């Protein structure tokens, strides 16, 4: 798949996610906002020229933990 097609697909996915987020309750929106903030930071950190393997593995573990937490929180009923 060429890069322009990937970018176009990512833009379309982002649009769909934004529509879904606008329909979520406030608590769920906050959870997802925090997740996306982390994802942005994650991408910045793994793209650093001086990142070593240990850094990359640590960020990968953090991402997996956060994703599991987000899924768990979204499945729980709002209190």
N, C-alpha and C. Protein backbone atom coordinates (compact mmCIF):
# COMPACT_ATOMS: atom_id res chain seq x y z
N UNK A 1 0.86 -1.18 0.00
CA UNK A 1 0.00 0.00 0.00
C UNK A 1 0.91 1.24 0.00
N UNK A 2 0.63 2.16 -0.88
CA UNK A 2 1.48 3.34 -0.95
C UNK A 2 1.14 4.33 0.17
N UNK A 3 2.11 5.20 0.52
CA UNK A 3 1.93 6.12 1.65
C UNK A 3 0.71 7.04 1.53
N UNK A 4 0.39 7.49 0.34
CA UNK A 4 -0.78 8.39 0.21
C UNK A 4 -2.07 7.66 0.51
N UNK A 5 -2.15 6.39 0.13
CA UNK A 5 -3.35 5.61 0.44
C UNK A 5 -3.46 5.39 1.94
N UNK A 6 -2.32 5.15 2.60
CA UNK A 6 -2.32 4.96 4.05
C UNK A 6 -2.77 6.23 4.76
N UNK A 7 -2.27 7.37 4.31
CA UNK A 7 -2.65 8.65 4.91
C UNK A 7 -4.13 8.91 4.69
N UNK A 8 -4.63 8.63 3.50
CA UNK A 8 -6.06 8.83 3.22
C UNK A 8 -6.91 7.92 4.10
N UNK A 9 -6.48 6.68 4.25
CA UNK A 9 -7.22 5.75 5.09
C UNK A 9 -7.20 6.19 6.55
N UNK A 10 -6.02 6.65 7.02
CA UNK A 10 -5.91 7.13 8.41
C UNK A 10 -6.82 8.34 8.64
N UNK A 11 -6.90 9.22 7.66
CA UNK A 11 -7.77 10.40 7.78
C UNK A 11 -9.24 9.98 7.87
N UNK A 12 -9.60 8.99 7.07
CA UNK A 12 -10.98 8.52 7.10
C UNK A 12 -11.30 7.86 8.44
N UNK A 13 -10.37 7.06 8.94
CA UNK A 13 -10.55 6.41 10.25
C UNK A 13 -10.66 7.47 11.34
N UNK A 14 -9.82 8.49 11.28
CA UNK A 14 -9.88 9.56 12.28
C UNK A 14 -11.25 10.25 12.26
N UNK A 15 -11.79 10.47 11.08
CA UNK A 15 -13.11 11.08 10.97
C UNK A 15 -14.19 10.22 11.60
N UNK A 16 -14.13 8.92 11.36
CA UNK A 16 -15.09 8.00 11.96
C UNK A 16 -14.95 7.99 13.48
N UNK A 17 -13.70 7.94 13.97
CA UNK A 17 -13.48 7.96 15.42
C UNK A 17 -14.00 9.25 16.04
N UNK A 18 -13.78 10.37 15.38
CA UNK A 18 -14.29 11.65 15.91
C UNK A 18 -15.81 11.63 16.01
N UNK A 19 -16.49 11.05 15.01
CA UNK A 19 -17.95 10.96 15.07
C UNK A 19 -18.39 10.07 16.22
N UNK A 20 -17.68 8.96 16.41
CA UNK A 20 -18.00 8.07 17.53
C UNK A 20 -17.76 8.76 18.86
N UNK A 21 -16.63 9.47 18.98
CA UNK A 21 -16.31 10.16 20.22
C UNK A 21 -17.35 11.22 20.56
N UNK A 22 -17.87 11.89 19.54
CA UNK A 22 -18.86 12.94 19.81
C UNK A 22 -20.16 12.36 20.35
N UNK A 23 -20.38 11.06 20.17
CA UNK A 23 -21.59 10.42 20.66
C UNK A 23 -21.40 9.74 22.02
N UNK A 24 -20.16 9.64 22.48
CA UNK A 24 -19.89 8.99 23.76
C UNK A 24 -20.24 9.91 24.93
N UNK A 25 -20.60 9.32 26.06
CA UNK A 25 -20.81 10.13 27.25
C UNK A 25 -19.52 10.83 27.67
N UNK A 26 -19.64 11.86 28.47
CA UNK A 26 -18.51 12.68 28.87
C UNK A 26 -17.38 11.86 29.50
N UNK A 27 -17.70 10.93 30.37
CA UNK A 27 -16.67 10.11 31.02
C UNK A 27 -15.86 9.34 29.99
N UNK A 28 -16.54 8.74 29.04
CA UNK A 28 -15.85 7.98 28.00
C UNK A 28 -15.02 8.89 27.11
N UNK A 29 -15.50 10.09 26.86
CA UNK A 29 -14.73 11.05 26.06
C UNK A 29 -13.43 11.39 26.78
N UNK A 30 -13.50 11.58 28.09
CA UNK A 30 -12.28 11.90 28.85
C UNK A 30 -11.29 10.74 28.78
N UNK A 31 -11.78 9.52 28.90
CA UNK A 31 -10.90 8.35 28.81
C UNK A 31 -10.22 8.31 27.45
N UNK A 32 -10.98 8.51 26.40
CA UNK A 32 -10.41 8.45 25.05
C UNK A 32 -9.47 9.62 24.79
N UNK A 33 -9.79 10.79 25.32
CA UNK A 33 -8.89 11.94 25.15
C UNK A 33 -7.53 11.65 25.77
N UNK A 34 -7.54 11.08 26.97
CA UNK A 34 -6.27 10.73 27.63
C UNK A 34 -5.52 9.68 26.82
N UNK A 35 -6.25 8.75 26.27
CA UNK A 35 -5.61 7.72 25.45
C UNK A 35 -4.94 8.34 24.23
N UNK A 36 -5.62 9.24 23.55
CA UNK A 36 -5.04 9.86 22.35
C UNK A 36 -3.86 10.77 22.70
N UNK A 37 -3.90 11.42 23.85
CA UNK A 37 -2.74 12.21 24.28
C UNK A 37 -1.53 11.30 24.46
N UNK A 38 -1.76 10.15 25.09
CA UNK A 38 -0.67 9.20 25.28
C UNK A 38 -0.16 8.69 23.93
N UNK A 39 -1.07 8.35 23.03
CA UNK A 39 -0.66 7.83 21.72
C UNK A 39 0.20 8.86 20.99
N UNK A 40 -0.17 10.13 21.06
CA UNK A 40 0.64 11.17 20.43
C UNK A 40 2.04 11.20 21.04
N UNK A 41 2.12 11.17 22.36
CA UNK A 41 3.42 11.16 23.04
C UNK A 41 4.21 9.90 22.69
N UNK A 42 3.52 8.77 22.62
CA UNK A 42 4.14 7.50 22.26
C UNK A 42 4.82 7.60 20.89
N UNK A 43 4.10 8.15 19.92
CA UNK A 43 4.66 8.26 18.57
C UNK A 43 5.87 9.20 18.54
N UNK A 44 5.82 10.26 19.31
CA UNK A 44 6.97 11.17 19.39
C UNK A 44 8.18 10.46 19.99
N UNK A 45 7.95 9.74 21.07
CA UNK A 45 9.05 9.08 21.77
C UNK A 45 9.69 7.96 20.94
N UNK A 46 8.87 7.15 20.25
CA UNK A 46 9.46 6.04 19.50
C UNK A 46 10.13 6.52 18.22
N UNK A 47 9.82 7.73 17.79
CA UNK A 47 10.44 8.27 16.57
C UNK A 47 11.75 9.00 16.85
N UNK A 48 12.09 9.17 18.13
CA UNK A 48 13.33 9.87 18.47
C UNK A 48 14.53 9.14 17.90
N UNK A 49 15.49 9.88 17.42
CA UNK A 49 16.70 9.29 16.85
C UNK A 49 17.54 8.60 17.91
N UNK A 50 17.47 9.09 19.15
CA UNK A 50 18.31 8.51 20.20
C UNK A 50 17.59 7.46 21.06
N UNK A 51 16.42 7.03 20.63
CA UNK A 51 15.68 6.01 21.39
C UNK A 51 16.38 4.67 21.22
N UNK A 52 16.59 3.99 22.34
CA UNK A 52 17.21 2.67 22.25
C UNK A 52 16.15 1.59 22.43
N UNK A 53 16.58 0.34 22.31
CA UNK A 53 15.65 -0.78 22.37
C UNK A 53 14.90 -0.82 23.70
N UNK A 54 15.58 -0.56 24.80
CA UNK A 54 14.92 -0.58 26.12
C UNK A 54 13.83 0.47 26.21
N UNK A 55 14.09 1.67 25.68
CA UNK A 55 13.07 2.72 25.66
C UNK A 55 11.86 2.28 24.85
N UNK A 56 12.12 1.71 23.70
CA UNK A 56 11.03 1.28 22.82
C UNK A 56 10.19 0.19 23.50
N UNK A 57 10.84 -0.75 24.18
CA UNK A 57 10.11 -1.81 24.86
C UNK A 57 9.29 -1.25 26.03
N UNK A 58 9.84 -0.28 26.75
CA UNK A 58 9.11 0.34 27.85
C UNK A 58 7.87 1.06 27.34
N UNK A 59 8.01 1.82 26.26
CA UNK A 59 6.86 2.53 25.70
C UNK A 59 5.82 1.56 25.15
N UNK A 60 6.28 0.45 24.57
CA UNK A 60 5.35 -0.56 24.07
C UNK A 60 4.56 -1.15 25.23
N UNK A 61 5.23 -1.47 26.35
CA UNK A 61 4.55 -2.00 27.52
C UNK A 61 3.54 -1.00 28.07
N UNK A 62 3.93 0.27 28.13
CA UNK A 62 3.02 1.32 28.61
C UNK A 62 1.79 1.41 27.71
N UNK A 63 2.02 1.33 26.40
CA UNK A 63 0.90 1.42 25.47
C UNK A 63 -0.06 0.25 25.67
N UNK A 64 0.46 -0.95 25.81
CA UNK A 64 -0.39 -2.13 26.02
C UNK A 64 -1.18 -2.02 27.32
N UNK A 65 -0.52 -1.57 28.38
CA UNK A 65 -1.19 -1.39 29.67
C UNK A 65 -2.30 -0.35 29.57
N UNK A 66 -2.00 0.77 28.93
CA UNK A 66 -3.01 1.82 28.79
C UNK A 66 -4.19 1.35 27.95
N UNK A 67 -3.90 0.66 26.86
CA UNK A 67 -4.98 0.17 26.00
C UNK A 67 -5.88 -0.79 26.78
N UNK A 68 -5.28 -1.68 27.56
CA UNK A 68 -6.08 -2.58 28.39
C UNK A 68 -6.92 -1.82 29.40
N UNK A 69 -6.35 -0.79 30.00
CA UNK A 69 -7.07 0.03 30.98
C UNK A 69 -8.24 0.77 30.32
N UNK A 70 -7.99 1.33 29.15
CA UNK A 70 -9.04 2.06 28.43
C UNK A 70 -10.20 1.13 28.09
N UNK A 71 -9.88 -0.03 27.57
CA UNK A 71 -10.94 -0.98 27.22
C UNK A 71 -11.73 -1.37 28.46
N UNK A 72 -11.03 -1.62 29.56
CA UNK A 72 -11.71 -1.98 30.81
C UNK A 72 -12.63 -0.85 31.27
N UNK A 73 -12.14 0.39 31.21
CA UNK A 73 -12.95 1.52 31.67
C UNK A 73 -14.15 1.75 30.78
N UNK A 74 -14.00 1.54 29.49
CA UNK A 74 -15.12 1.76 28.58
C UNK A 74 -16.19 0.67 28.74
N UNK A 75 -15.78 -0.50 29.19
CA UNK A 75 -16.73 -1.60 29.39
C UNK A 75 -17.49 -1.45 30.70
N UNK A 76 -16.89 -0.76 31.69
CA UNK A 76 -17.54 -0.57 32.99
C UNK A 76 -18.68 0.43 32.85
N UNK A 77 -19.78 0.19 33.52
CA UNK A 77 -20.86 1.19 33.50
C UNK A 77 -20.43 2.44 34.24
N UNK A 78 -20.93 3.58 33.79
CA UNK A 78 -20.62 4.86 34.43
C UNK A 78 -21.22 4.86 35.84
N UNK A 79 -20.48 5.46 36.77
CA UNK A 79 -20.95 5.51 38.16
C UNK A 79 -21.56 6.84 38.47
